[in-house]
């Protein structure tokens, strides 16, 4: 999937990042940041595309949940533990939960659907989701920028190590060949009397 996303980002740029965030999230942002680090696209565009794609996905799920309601959730027994957890967190934390749900791995994809089914105001959801999405996308983008720098530094270090390794291998091969030649000469040279 990562290769496919990287190829899509290379061909379709920001649209691929937005689509990736609509479907998945962090991976699309990180691949977009790596593409930006290579000069293929701009990191600010990656951030904007991530925000747009994520908000479209969240709001679509919210409105589907609002339209389909509790009966749709009740038909999915596998979702019950997640739905219960989302409802518990929403009851306990309210707006901060609505802002930060994207950071809750394993719950974030069902959460907008649950929020919609609970009858939360679409405007309230949109505003809190926008705040949370900007924080989330900004955080992941910033992490991606630091990762890209670290990866580039590591690759430069690896290249230095590779060069040293090649030198060591060439020297070892030369020494090995020299030892082989010496031993061969000793075997072919008749002993002196």
C-alpha atoms as a PDB file:
ATOM      1  CA  UNK A   1       0.000   0.000   0.000  1.00  0.00           C
ATOM      2  CA  UNK A   2       2.884   2.387   0.780  1.00  0.00           C
ATOM      3  CA  UNK A   3       4.369   1.912  -2.697  1.00  0.00           C
ATOM      4  CA  UNK A   4       0.969   2.626  -4.237  1.00  0.00           C
ATOM      5  CA  UNK A   5       0.536   5.785  -2.144  1.00  0.00           C
ATOM      6  CA  UNK A   6       4.058   6.970  -3.024  1.00  0.00           C
ATOM      7  CA  UNK A   7       3.339   6.393  -6.721  1.00  0.00           C
ATOM      8  CA  UNK A   8       0.008   8.250  -6.447  1.00  0.00           C
ATOM      9  CA  UNK A   9       1.677  11.165  -4.673  1.00  0.00           C
ATOM     10  CA  UNK A  10       4.350  11.315  -7.363  1.00  0.00           C
ATOM     11  CA  UNK A  11       1.729  11.376 -10.117  1.00  0.00           C
ATOM     12  CA  UNK A  12      -1.158  13.271  -8.521  1.00  0.00           C
ATOM     13  CA  UNK A  13       0.531  15.301  -5.770  1.00  0.00           C
ATOM     14  CA  UNK A  14      -1.810  17.017  -3.372  1.00  0.00           C
ATOM     15  CA  UNK A  15      -4.894  15.184  -4.614  1.00  0.00           C
ATOM     16  CA  UNK A  16      -3.211  11.889  -3.692  1.00  0.00           C
ATOM     17  CA  UNK A  17      -2.385  13.222  -0.210  1.00  0.00           C
ATOM     18  CA  UNK A  18      -5.994  14.356   0.277  1.00  0.00           C
ATOM     19  CA  UNK A  19      -7.338  11.019  -0.966  1.00  0.00           C
ATOM     20  CA  UNK A  20      -4.873   9.157   1.248  1.00  0.00           C
ATOM     21  CA  UNK A  21      -6.007  11.164   4.278  1.00  0.00           C
ATOM     22  CA  UNK A  22      -9.633  10.566   3.366  1.00  0.00           C
ATOM     23  CA  UNK A  23      -8.932   6.812   3.383  1.00  0.00           C
ATOM     24  CA  UNK A  24      -6.034   6.322   5.816  1.00  0.00           C
ATOM     25  CA  UNK A  25      -4.213   9.247   7.378  1.00  0.00           C
ATOM     26  CA  UNK A  26      -0.670   9.330   8.723  1.00  0.00           C
ATOM     27  CA  UNK A  27       0.918   7.306   5.928  1.00  0.00           C
ATOM     28  CA  UNK A  28      -0.385   9.686   3.259  1.00  0.00           C
ATOM     29  CA  UNK A  29       0.923  12.712   5.146  1.00  0.00           C
ATOM     30  CA  UNK A  30       4.326  11.159   5.770  1.00  0.00           C
ATOM     31  CA  UNK A  31       4.692  10.093   2.136  1.00  0.00           C
ATOM     32  CA  UNK A  32       3.617  13.581   1.083  1.00  0.00           C
ATOM     33  CA  UNK A  33       6.243  15.119   3.363  1.00  0.00           C
ATOM     34  CA  UNK A  34       8.925  12.796   1.960  1.00  0.00           C
ATOM     35  CA  UNK A  35       7.840  13.839  -1.561  1.00  0.00           C
ATOM     36  CA  UNK A  36       8.078  17.477  -0.463  1.00  0.00           C
ATOM     37  CA  UNK A  37      11.525  16.804   0.978  1.00  0.00           C
ATOM     38  CA  UNK A  38      12.557  15.579  -2.489  1.00  0.00           C
ATOM     39  CA  UNK A  39      11.136  18.720  -4.094  1.00  0.00           C
ATOM     40  CA  UNK A  40       8.238  16.976  -5.851  1.00  0.00           C
ATOM     41  CA  UNK A  41       5.539  18.959  -4.004  1.00  0.00           C
ATOM     42  CA  UNK A  42       5.447  21.643  -1.294  1.00  0.00           C
ATOM     43  CA  UNK A  43       5.111  20.735   2.400  1.00  0.00           C
ATOM     44  CA  UNK A  44       2.537  23.505   2.996  1.00  0.00           C
ATOM     45  CA  UNK A  45       0.438  22.022   0.203  1.00  0.00           C
ATOM     46  CA  UNK A  46       0.752  18.611   1.874  1.00  0.00           C
ATOM     47  CA  UNK A  47      -0.618  20.074   5.106  1.00  0.00           C
ATOM     48  CA  UNK A  48      -3.537  21.779   3.364  1.00  0.00           C
ATOM     49  CA  UNK A  49      -4.368  18.662   1.324  1.00  0.00           C
ATOM     50  CA  UNK A  50      -4.227  16.540   4.490  1.00  0.00           C
ATOM     51  CA  UNK A  51      -6.615  18.868   6.303  1.00  0.00           C
ATOM     52  CA  UNK A  52      -9.077  18.936   3.404  1.00  0.00           C
ATOM     53  CA  UNK A  53      -9.033  15.174   2.800  1.00  0.00           C
ATOM     54  CA  UNK A  54      -9.364  14.379   6.490  1.00  0.00           C
ATOM     55  CA  UNK A  55     -12.219  16.810   7.052  1.00  0.00           C
ATOM     56  CA  UNK A  56     -14.129  15.514   4.054  1.00  0.00           C
ATOM     57  CA  UNK A  57     -13.776  11.944   5.336  1.00  0.00           C
ATOM     58  CA  UNK A  58     -14.721  12.855   8.913  1.00  0.00           C
ATOM     59  CA  UNK A  59     -17.739  14.884   7.883  1.00  0.00           C
ATOM     60  CA  UNK A  60     -18.931  12.268   5.416  1.00  0.00           C
ATOM     61  CA  UNK A  61     -18.799   9.605   8.163  1.00  0.00           C
ATOM     62  CA  UNK A  62     -20.492  12.006  10.587  1.00  0.00           C
ATOM     63  CA  UNK A  63     -23.378  12.649   8.202  1.00  0.00           C
ATOM     64  CA  UNK A  64     -23.738   8.962   7.361  1.00  0.00           C
ATOM     65  CA  UNK A  65     -23.928   8.248  11.090  1.00  0.00           C
ATOM     66  CA  UNK A  66     -26.434  11.069  11.526  1.00  0.00           C
ATOM     67  CA  UNK A  67     -28.617   9.711   8.731  1.00  0.00           C
ATOM     68  CA  UNK A  68     -28.344   6.004   9.581  1.00  0.00           C
ATOM     69  CA  UNK A  69     -28.282   6.444  13.365  1.00  0.00           C
ATOM     70  CA  UNK A  70     -28.184   3.818  16.088  1.00  0.00           C
ATOM     71  CA  UNK A  71     -29.807   1.021  14.044  1.00  0.00           C
ATOM     72  CA  UNK A  72     -26.760   0.978  11.752  1.00  0.00           C
ATOM     73  CA  UNK A  73     -24.442   0.704  14.760  1.00  0.00           C
ATOM     74  CA  UNK A  74     -26.554  -2.055  16.286  1.00  0.00           C
ATOM     75  CA  UNK A  75     -26.186  -4.096  13.074  1.00  0.00           C
ATOM     76  CA  UNK A  76     -22.397  -4.143  13.524  1.00  0.00           C
ATOM     77  CA  UNK A  77     -21.624  -6.195  16.631  1.00  0.00           C
ATOM     78  CA  UNK A  78     -17.872  -5.923  16.005  1.00  0.00           C
ATOM     79  CA  UNK A  79     -18.143  -2.164  16.509  1.00  0.00           C
ATOM     80  CA  UNK A  80     -19.898  -2.385  19.896  1.00  0.00           C
ATOM     81  CA  UNK A  81     -16.752  -2.185  22.081  1.00  0.00           C
ATOM     82  CA  UNK A  82     -15.455   0.774  20.086  1.00  0.00           C
ATOM     83  CA  UNK A  83     -18.838   2.520  20.134  1.00  0.00           C
ATOM     84  CA  UNK A  84     -19.059   2.052  23.903  1.00  0.00           C
ATOM     85  CA  UNK A  85     -15.531   3.429  24.327  1.00  0.00           C
ATOM     86  CA  UNK A  86     -16.270   6.474  22.146  1.00  0.00           C
ATOM     87  CA  UNK A  87     -19.478   7.193  24.063  1.00  0.00           C
ATOM     88  CA  UNK A  88     -17.662   6.827  27.397  1.00  0.00           C
ATOM     89  CA  UNK A  89     -14.854   9.173  26.313  1.00  0.00           C
ATOM     90  CA  UNK A  90     -17.338  11.692  24.904  1.00  0.00           C
ATOM     91  CA  UNK A  91     -19.341  11.665  28.128  1.00  0.00           C
ATOM     92  CA  UNK A  92     -16.189  12.058  30.232  1.00  0.00           C
ATOM     93  CA  UNK A  93     -14.303  14.642  28.127  1.00  0.00           C
ATOM     94  CA  UNK A  94     -16.858  16.267  25.806  1.00  0.00           C
ATOM     95  CA  UNK A  95     -15.347  18.802  23.372  1.00  0.00           C
ATOM     96  CA  UNK A  96     -11.698  17.773  23.989  1.00  0.00           C
ATOM     97  CA  UNK A  97     -12.660  14.255  22.893  1.00  0.00           C
ATOM     98  CA  UNK A  98     -14.248  15.660  19.744  1.00  0.00           C
ATOM     99  CA  UNK A  99     -11.083  17.639  19.027  1.00  0.00           C
ATOM    100  CA  UNK A 100      -8.590  14.886  19.821  1.00  0.00           C
ATOM    101  CA  UNK A 101     -10.249  11.710  18.559  1.00  0.00           C
ATOM    102  CA  UNK A 102      -7.904  11.510  15.566  1.00  0.00           C
ATOM    103  CA  UNK A 103      -5.086  10.675  17.977  1.00  0.00           C
ATOM    104  CA  UNK A 104      -6.972   7.645  19.336  1.00  0.00           C
ATOM    105  CA  UNK A 105      -5.723   4.789  17.229  1.00  0.00           C
ATOM    106  CA  UNK A 106      -8.367   2.129  16.707  1.00  0.00           C
ATOM    107  CA  UNK A 107     -11.264   4.495  17.446  1.00  0.00           C
ATOM    108  CA  UNK A 108     -10.809   7.348  15.038  1.00  0.00           C
ATOM    109  CA  UNK A 109     -12.586   5.820  12.039  1.00  0.00           C
ATOM    110  CA  UNK A 110     -15.746   4.858  13.892  1.00  0.00           C
ATOM    111  CA  UNK A 111     -15.827   8.028  16.023  1.00  0.00           C
ATOM    112  CA  UNK A 112     -17.341  10.491  13.508  1.00  0.00           C
ATOM    113  CA  UNK A 113     -20.016   7.916  12.673  1.00  0.00           C
ATOM    114  CA  UNK A 114     -20.833   7.537  16.384  1.00  0.00           C
ATOM    115  CA  UNK A 115     -20.877  11.316  16.889  1.00  0.00           C
ATOM    116  CA  UNK A 116     -23.352  11.635  14.038  1.00  0.00           C
ATOM    117  CA  UNK A 117     -25.564   8.904  15.452  1.00  0.00           C
ATOM    118  CA  UNK A 118     -25.668  10.690  18.818  1.00  0.00           C
ATOM    119  CA  UNK A 119     -27.368  13.729  17.285  1.00  0.00           C
ATOM    120  CA  UNK A 120     -24.463  16.143  17.807  1.00  0.00           C
ATOM    121  CA  UNK A 121     -24.952  19.411  15.934  1.00  0.00           C
ATOM    122  CA  UNK A 122     -23.284  19.322  12.498  1.00  0.00           C
ATOM    123  CA  UNK A 123     -21.915  22.832  13.003  1.00  0.00           C
ATOM    124  CA  UNK A 124     -20.435  21.919  16.391  1.00  0.00           C
ATOM    125  CA  UNK A 125     -18.880  18.782  14.930  1.00  0.00           C
ATOM    126  CA  UNK A 126     -17.499  20.697  11.930  1.00  0.00           C
ATOM    127  CA  UNK A 127     -15.852  23.376  14.103  1.00  0.00           C
ATOM    128  CA  UNK A 128     -14.360  20.952  16.635  1.00  0.00           C
ATOM    129  CA  UNK A 129     -13.290  18.569  13.882  1.00  0.00           C
ATOM    130  CA  UNK A 130     -11.597  21.439  12.033  1.00  0.00           C
ATOM    131  CA  UNK A 131      -9.634  22.366  15.164  1.00  0.00           C
ATOM    132  CA  UNK A 132      -8.670  18.748  15.811  1.00  0.00           C
ATOM    133  CA  UNK A 133      -7.773  18.093  12.187  1.00  0.00           C
ATOM    134  CA  UNK A 134      -5.488  21.134  12.003  1.00  0.00           C
ATOM    135  CA  UNK A 135      -3.734  20.036  15.215  1.00  0.00           C
ATOM    136  CA  UNK A 136      -3.465  16.412  14.057  1.00  0.00           C
ATOM    137  CA  UNK A 137      -2.348  17.154  10.480  1.00  0.00           C
ATOM    138  CA  UNK A 138       0.102  19.799  11.699  1.00  0.00           C
ATOM    139  CA  UNK A 139       1.584  17.397  14.226  1.00  0.00           C
ATOM    140  CA  UNK A 140       1.982  14.547  11.737  1.00  0.00           C
ATOM    141  CA  UNK A 141       3.413  16.918   9.111  1.00  0.00           C
ATOM    142  CA  UNK A 142       5.939  18.287  11.613  1.00  0.00           C
ATOM    143  CA  UNK A 143       6.918  14.760  12.640  1.00  0.00           C
ATOM    144  CA  UNK A 144       7.294  13.912   8.945  1.00  0.00           C
ATOM    145  CA  UNK A 145       9.597  16.884   8.358  1.00  0.00           C
ATOM    146  CA  UNK A 146      11.857  15.781  11.221  1.00  0.00           C
ATOM    147  CA  UNK A 147      11.731  12.164  10.042  1.00  0.00           C
ATOM    148  CA  UNK A 148      12.637  13.170   6.496  1.00  0.00           C
ATOM    149  CA  UNK A 149      15.636  15.122   7.796  1.00  0.00           C
ATOM    150  CA  UNK A 150      16.663  12.193  10.000  1.00  0.00           C
ATOM    151  CA  UNK A 151      16.286   9.705   7.146  1.00  0.00           C
ATOM    152  CA  UNK A 152      18.350  11.903   4.852  1.00  0.00           C
ATOM    153  CA  UNK A 153      21.055  12.170   7.528  1.00  0.00           C
ATOM    154  CA  UNK A 154      20.968   8.413   8.086  1.00  0.00           C
ATOM    155  CA  UNK A 155      21.229   7.753   4.348  1.00  0.00           C
ATOM    156  CA  UNK A 156      24.226  10.087   4.107  1.00  0.00           C
ATOM    157  CA  UNK A 157      25.810   8.223   7.015  1.00  0.00           C
ATOM    158  CA  UNK A 158      25.007   4.885   5.372  1.00  0.00           C
ATOM    159  CA  UNK A 159      26.659   6.090   2.160  1.00  0.00           C
ATOM    160  CA  UNK A 160      29.794   6.955   4.148  1.00  0.00           C
ATOM    161  CA  UNK A 161      29.695   3.540   5.810  1.00  0.00           C
ATOM    162  CA  UNK A 162      29.177   1.884   2.418  1.00  0.00           C
ATOM    163  CA  UNK A 163      32.229   3.665   1.032  1.00  0.00           C
ATOM    164  CA  UNK A 164      34.301   2.572   4.022  1.00  0.00           C
ATOM    165  CA  UNK A 165      32.949  -0.966   3.660  1.00  0.00           C
ATOM    166  CA  UNK A 166      33.925  -1.034  -0.036  1.00  0.00           C
ATOM    167  CA  UNK A 167      37.448   0.118   0.850  1.00  0.00           C
ATOM    168  CA  UNK A 168      37.720  -2.543   3.575  1.00  0.00           C
ATOM    169  CA  UNK A 169      36.434  -5.222   1.183  1.00  0.00           C
ATOM    170  CA  UNK A 170      38.882  -4.185  -1.541  1.00  0.00           C
ATOM    171  CA  UNK A 171      41.786  -4.277   0.938  1.00  0.00           C
ATOM    172  CA  UNK A 172      40.606  -7.639   2.329  1.00  0.00           C
ATOM    173  CA  UNK A 173      40.290  -9.031  -1.199  1.00  0.00           C
ATOM    174  CA  UNK A 174      43.781  -7.777  -2.080  1.00  0.00           C
ATOM    175  CA  UNK A 175      45.268  -9.284   1.097  1.00  0.00           C
ATOM    176  CA  UNK A 176      43.379 -12.537   0.495  1.00  0.00           C
ATOM    177  CA  UNK A 177      44.578 -12.672  -3.095  1.00  0.00           C
ATOM    178  CA  UNK A 178      48.156 -11.964  -1.946  1.00  0.00           C
ATOM    179  CA  UNK A 179      48.010 -14.788   0.623  1.00  0.00           C
ATOM    180  CA  UNK A 180      46.552 -17.118  -2.001  1.00  0.00           C
ATOM    181  CA  UNK A 181      49.374 -16.262  -4.445  1.00  0.00           C
ATOM    182  CA  UNK A 182      52.054 -16.775  -1.775  1.00  0.00           C
ATOM    183  CA  UNK A 183      50.663 -20.171  -0.814  1.00  0.00           C
ATOM    184  CA  UNK A 184      50.407 -21.200  -4.434  1.00  0.00           C
ATOM    185  CA  UNK A 185      54.020 -20.210  -5.078  1.00  0.00           C
ATOM    186  CA  UNK A 186      55.187 -22.188  -2.067  1.00  0.00           C
ATOM    187  CA  UNK A 187      53.448 -25.285  -3.392  1.00  0.00           C
ATOM    188  CA  UNK A 188      54.853 -24.926  -6.884  1.00  0.00           C
ATOM    189  CA  UNK A 189      58.392 -23.953  -5.836  1.00  0.00           C
ATOM    190  CA  UNK A 190      60.602 -27.019  -5.276  1.00  0.00           C
ATOM    191  CA  UNK A 191      62.211 -27.177  -1.860  1.00  0.00           C
ATOM    192  CA  UNK A 192      65.817 -26.051  -1.813  1.00  0.00           C
ATOM    193  CA  UNK A 193      68.443 -28.600  -0.837  1.00  0.00           C
END
